[in-house]
Protein backbone atom coordinates (compact mmCIF):
# COMPACT_ATOMS: atom_id res chain seq x y z
CA MET A 1 115.38 111.99 75.45
CA HIS A 2 113.10 113.22 72.68
CA LYS A 3 109.35 112.90 72.89
CA ALA A 4 108.01 109.46 72.18
CA ILE A 5 106.57 108.15 68.93
CA GLY A 6 102.91 107.66 69.28
CA ILE A 7 101.17 104.82 67.51
CA LEU A 8 97.43 105.05 66.76
CA GLY A 9 96.87 101.23 66.37
CA GLY A 10 94.40 98.45 66.68
CA MET A 11 93.70 98.31 62.95
CA GLY A 12 94.45 95.35 63.26
CA PRO A 13 96.25 94.43 66.46
CA GLN A 14 98.78 92.20 64.79
CA ALA A 15 99.71 95.00 62.36
CA THR A 16 100.19 97.30 65.37
CA VAL A 17 102.54 94.75 67.07
CA ASP A 18 104.35 94.46 63.74
CA ALA A 19 104.92 98.23 63.66
CA MET A 20 106.30 98.19 67.19
CA ASN A 21 108.60 95.23 66.38
CA LYS A 22 109.89 97.08 63.32
CA ILE A 23 110.70 100.11 65.47
CA ILE A 24 112.81 97.86 67.73
CA LYS A 25 114.46 95.96 64.94
CA ASN A 26 115.31 99.12 62.93
CA THR A 27 116.71 101.09 65.94
CA PRO A 28 120.51 100.76 66.31
CA ALA A 29 120.41 100.30 70.10
CA HIS A 30 122.96 98.53 72.29
CA SER A 31 120.92 98.63 75.49
CA ASP A 32 117.34 99.05 76.77
CA GLN A 33 117.98 102.76 77.37
CA GLU A 34 119.01 103.43 73.78
CA HIS A 35 115.71 102.28 72.31
CA ILE A 36 113.09 104.76 71.14
CA PRO A 37 110.19 105.54 73.56
CA VAL A 38 106.89 104.56 72.07
CA ILE A 39 103.37 105.07 73.30
CA THR A 40 100.82 102.85 71.62
CA VAL A 41 97.08 103.03 71.68
CA SER A 42 95.67 99.75 70.37
CA ILE A 43 92.00 99.67 71.00
CA PRO A 44 90.49 97.45 68.22
CA ASP A 45 86.86 98.60 68.38
CA ILE A 46 87.53 101.10 65.57
CA PRO A 47 84.96 100.15 62.92
CA ASP A 48 86.05 98.30 59.75
CA ARG A 49 87.60 100.91 57.59
CA THR A 50 86.89 99.22 54.25
CA LYS A 51 83.16 98.75 55.09
CA SER A 52 82.82 102.38 56.29
CA ILE A 53 84.32 103.75 53.09
CA ILE A 54 82.00 101.60 51.05
CA ASN A 55 78.97 102.70 53.20
CA HIS A 56 80.10 106.34 53.03
CA ASP A 57 80.21 106.77 56.76
CA ASP A 58 82.83 108.22 59.02
CA LYS A 59 82.50 105.93 62.05
CA PRO A 60 86.31 105.08 62.05
CA LEU A 61 87.09 108.70 62.03
CA MET A 62 85.11 109.38 65.14
CA LYS A 63 86.83 106.55 67.09
CA MET A 64 90.34 107.43 65.75
CA ALA A 65 89.86 111.04 66.76
CA GLU A 66 88.87 109.96 70.28
CA TYR A 67 91.97 107.75 70.64
CA LEU A 68 94.21 110.39 69.04
CA LYS A 69 93.42 112.54 72.12
CA ILE A 70 95.01 109.85 74.37
CA LEU A 71 98.23 110.16 72.40
CA GLU A 72 98.03 113.90 72.51
CA SER A 73 97.59 113.99 76.20
CA ALA A 74 100.60 111.66 76.55
CA ASN A 75 102.59 114.44 74.86
CA VAL A 76 103.98 112.28 72.06
CA GLY A 77 106.23 114.01 69.53
CA CYS A 78 104.70 112.51 66.43
CA ILE A 79 101.93 110.03 65.60
CA ILE A 80 101.89 107.20 63.05
CA ILE A 81 99.01 105.04 62.00
CA PRO A 82 99.91 101.46 60.90
CA CYS A 83 96.83 101.07 58.69
CA ASN A 84 96.83 102.21 55.05
CA THR A 85 93.06 102.38 54.67
CA ALA A 86 92.71 104.58 57.73
CA HIS A 87 94.70 107.22 55.82
CA PHE A 88 91.57 108.01 53.99
CA TRP A 89 90.90 110.19 57.03
CA PHE A 90 94.55 111.27 57.52
CA ASP A 91 94.04 115.03 56.73
CA GLN A 92 90.98 115.25 58.92
CA LEU A 93 92.84 113.65 61.86
CA GLN A 94 95.81 116.01 61.39
CA GLN A 95 93.47 118.95 61.53
CA GLN A 96 92.32 117.75 64.98
CA THR A 97 95.66 117.73 66.54
CA GLN A 98 98.80 120.04 66.85
CA THR A 99 100.99 116.97 67.02
CA LYS A 100 102.93 116.09 63.87
CA MET A 101 101.54 113.03 62.01
CA ILE A 102 103.61 111.04 59.48
CA SER A 103 101.65 109.64 56.56
CA ILE A 104 102.36 106.11 55.36
CA VAL A 105 101.30 107.14 51.93
CA GLU A 106 103.58 110.16 51.70
CA ALA A 107 106.44 108.31 53.17
CA THR A 108 106.09 105.48 50.78
CA VAL A 109 105.87 107.70 47.68
CA GLU A 110 108.93 109.58 48.79
CA PHE A 111 110.79 106.23 49.31
CA ILE A 112 109.73 105.10 45.78
CA LEU A 113 110.95 108.34 44.25
CA LYS A 114 114.28 108.31 46.11
CA ASN A 115 114.94 104.67 45.10
CA ASN A 116 113.92 105.23 41.46
CA VAL A 117 111.49 102.33 41.39
CA GLN A 118 110.14 102.09 37.88
CA LYS A 119 107.00 100.07 38.19
CA ILE A 120 104.65 99.29 41.12
CA CYS A 121 101.94 96.66 41.54
CA ILE A 122 99.71 97.76 44.42
CA LEU A 123 98.43 95.11 46.85
CA ALA A 124 96.00 96.66 49.24
CA THR A 125 92.49 96.60 50.52
CA SER A 126 89.74 97.30 48.06
CA ALA A 127 88.97 100.51 49.87
CA THR A 128 92.60 101.74 49.64
CA ILE A 129 92.51 101.05 45.97
CA ASN A 130 89.04 102.49 45.32
CA THR A 131 89.81 105.70 47.10
CA GLU A 132 93.07 105.98 45.10
CA LEU A 133 95.18 106.83 48.13
CA TYR A 134 98.32 105.77 46.26
CA GLN A 135 97.30 106.09 42.68
CA LYS A 136 96.70 109.79 42.90
CA LYS A 137 100.27 110.37 44.20
CA PHE A 138 101.77 107.97 41.72
CA THR A 139 100.03 109.77 38.83
CA ALA A 140 101.16 113.11 40.07
CA HIS A 141 104.80 111.93 40.24
CA GLN A 142 104.63 109.91 36.97
CA ILE A 143 105.18 106.54 38.79
CA GLU A 144 103.93 103.66 36.69
CA PHE A 145 101.62 101.33 38.60
CA THR A 146 99.23 98.45 38.04
CA LEU A 147 96.34 97.15 40.06
CA PRO A 148 95.02 93.63 40.47
CA VAL A 149 92.11 92.77 38.20
CA PRO A 150 88.80 92.36 40.14
CA ASP A 151 89.05 88.55 40.58
CA ILE A 152 92.47 88.85 41.98
CA GLN A 153 91.55 91.77 44.23
CA GLN A 154 88.80 89.66 45.73
CA LEU A 155 91.44 87.02 46.63
CA VAL A 156 93.64 89.72 48.19
CA MET A 157 90.68 90.84 50.32
CA HIS A 158 89.71 87.33 51.22
CA SER A 159 93.28 86.62 52.41
CA ILE A 160 93.31 89.86 54.50
CA TYR A 161 90.14 88.97 56.31
CA LEU A 162 91.13 85.37 56.77
CA TYR A 163 94.31 86.65 58.48
CA LYS A 164 92.32 89.03 60.73
CA SER A 165 89.97 86.13 61.63
CA GLY A 166 92.94 83.89 62.71
CA ASP A 167 92.97 81.56 59.73
CA ILE A 168 96.58 82.18 59.10
CA LYS A 169 97.57 79.19 56.97
CA GLU A 170 94.72 79.70 54.50
CA SER A 171 95.43 83.41 54.31
CA LYS A 172 99.09 82.82 53.49
CA ASP A 173 98.26 80.12 50.88
CA ILE A 174 95.87 82.39 49.04
CA MET A 175 98.25 85.46 49.13
CA ARG A 176 101.10 83.36 47.82
CA GLU A 177 98.77 82.11 45.05
CA VAL A 178 98.11 85.76 44.20
CA ILE A 179 101.81 86.54 43.99
CA ASN A 180 102.47 83.45 41.88
CA LEU A 181 100.03 84.73 39.25
CA TYR A 182 102.46 87.40 38.23
CA ASP A 183 105.61 87.18 36.30
CA PHE A 184 108.57 88.36 38.32
CA TYR A 185 110.92 90.87 36.71
CA PRO A 186 113.44 93.26 38.25
CA THR A 187 111.81 96.62 37.26
CA ARG A 188 108.54 95.94 39.16
CA LYS A 189 107.97 95.61 42.78
CA PHE A 190 104.88 94.66 44.78
CA LEU A 191 103.86 97.56 47.09
CA LEU A 192 102.40 96.02 50.30
CA ALA A 193 99.86 98.68 51.04
CA CYS A 194 97.93 96.96 53.73
CA THR A 195 99.69 96.46 57.05
CA GLU A 196 98.49 92.82 57.31
CA ILE A 197 100.00 91.83 53.94
CA PRO A 198 103.68 91.88 55.14
CA LEU A 199 102.67 89.51 57.89
CA ILE A 200 100.78 87.25 55.48
CA LEU A 201 103.71 87.23 53.04
CA GLU A 202 106.45 87.05 55.67
CA ASP A 203 107.95 83.80 54.39
CA LEU A 204 108.03 84.91 50.78
CA ILE A 205 109.49 88.33 51.73
CA ASN A 206 112.28 86.54 53.49
CA GLU A 207 112.89 84.40 50.35
CA ARG A 208 112.60 87.30 47.86
CA PRO A 209 112.93 90.65 49.52
CA ASP A 210 113.92 92.31 46.32
CA LEU A 211 110.24 91.81 45.09
CA PHE A 212 108.48 93.91 47.70
CA ILE A 213 108.08 97.33 49.25
CA ASP A 214 106.64 97.05 52.72
CA ALA A 215 104.81 100.30 53.37
CA THR A 216 104.84 99.65 57.11
CA ASP A 217 108.63 99.32 57.11
CA VAL A 218 108.96 102.56 55.16
CA LEU A 219 106.65 104.32 57.70
CA ILE A 220 108.58 103.03 60.67
CA ARG A 221 112.02 103.96 59.24
CA ASN A 222 110.65 107.49 58.58
CA ALA A 223 109.44 107.75 62.20
CA ILE A 224 112.81 106.58 63.49
CA GLU A 225 114.48 109.28 61.23
CA TRP A 226 112.12 111.88 62.67
CA TYR A 227 113.11 110.81 66.20
CA GLN A 228 116.84 110.69 65.61
CA ASN A 229 117.38 113.61 63.27
CA GLY A 230 115.33 116.43 64.35
CA GLN A 231 111.86 115.73 62.99
CA PRO A 232 112.47 115.88 59.21
CA GLU A 233 109.57 117.17 57.24
CA LEU A 234 107.87 115.18 54.49
CA ARG A 235 106.87 117.09 51.41
CA ILE A 236 105.11 115.33 48.58
């Protein structure tokens, strides 16, 4: 058996569970023993990533680095972080460990390039958008993208925080309202670049899977590929 996939989670807990579920669902296993070993650290006291980026502090980095050591000591083979905004500190975290880390941003950009997606509308936290985690990569690879206007972005953030607070119905109603503000056409897909958003939009994704790219799902499929096929390298 290969080394386990390590998940640095807790940002938020539901997104961590979603990542684990997606590992199970996307693994072609016929018995317990054929599933992929996973070691998850889900300690949710990591400070709010969006607020820290806005306040120009590195409090989340300090906590994530601490919990990264737990996975490193467990001798996992690779580490994934099911939180897009946390990837603001991805390079700094990778510098603190010899364990391979798979970036959700790089994995998603590679997926978009391979699938020749022509246009992307990014749905993410305001911090992910303001730090241009995806936009810089898209521009470098000439991928056309749009962002929500400020009023719509406020609705996206409100929906995310409602979901985190447990107000699931209101969160889903608001996010569906956001999606319905857009015209649907086949050349554009919504990039769900916050790991809560696929949970919030679960019903709509089931209705119209062709509209969406779930960054969490892309990350998980990449981690499974690493496990099964000799640790493929990502190069963006």
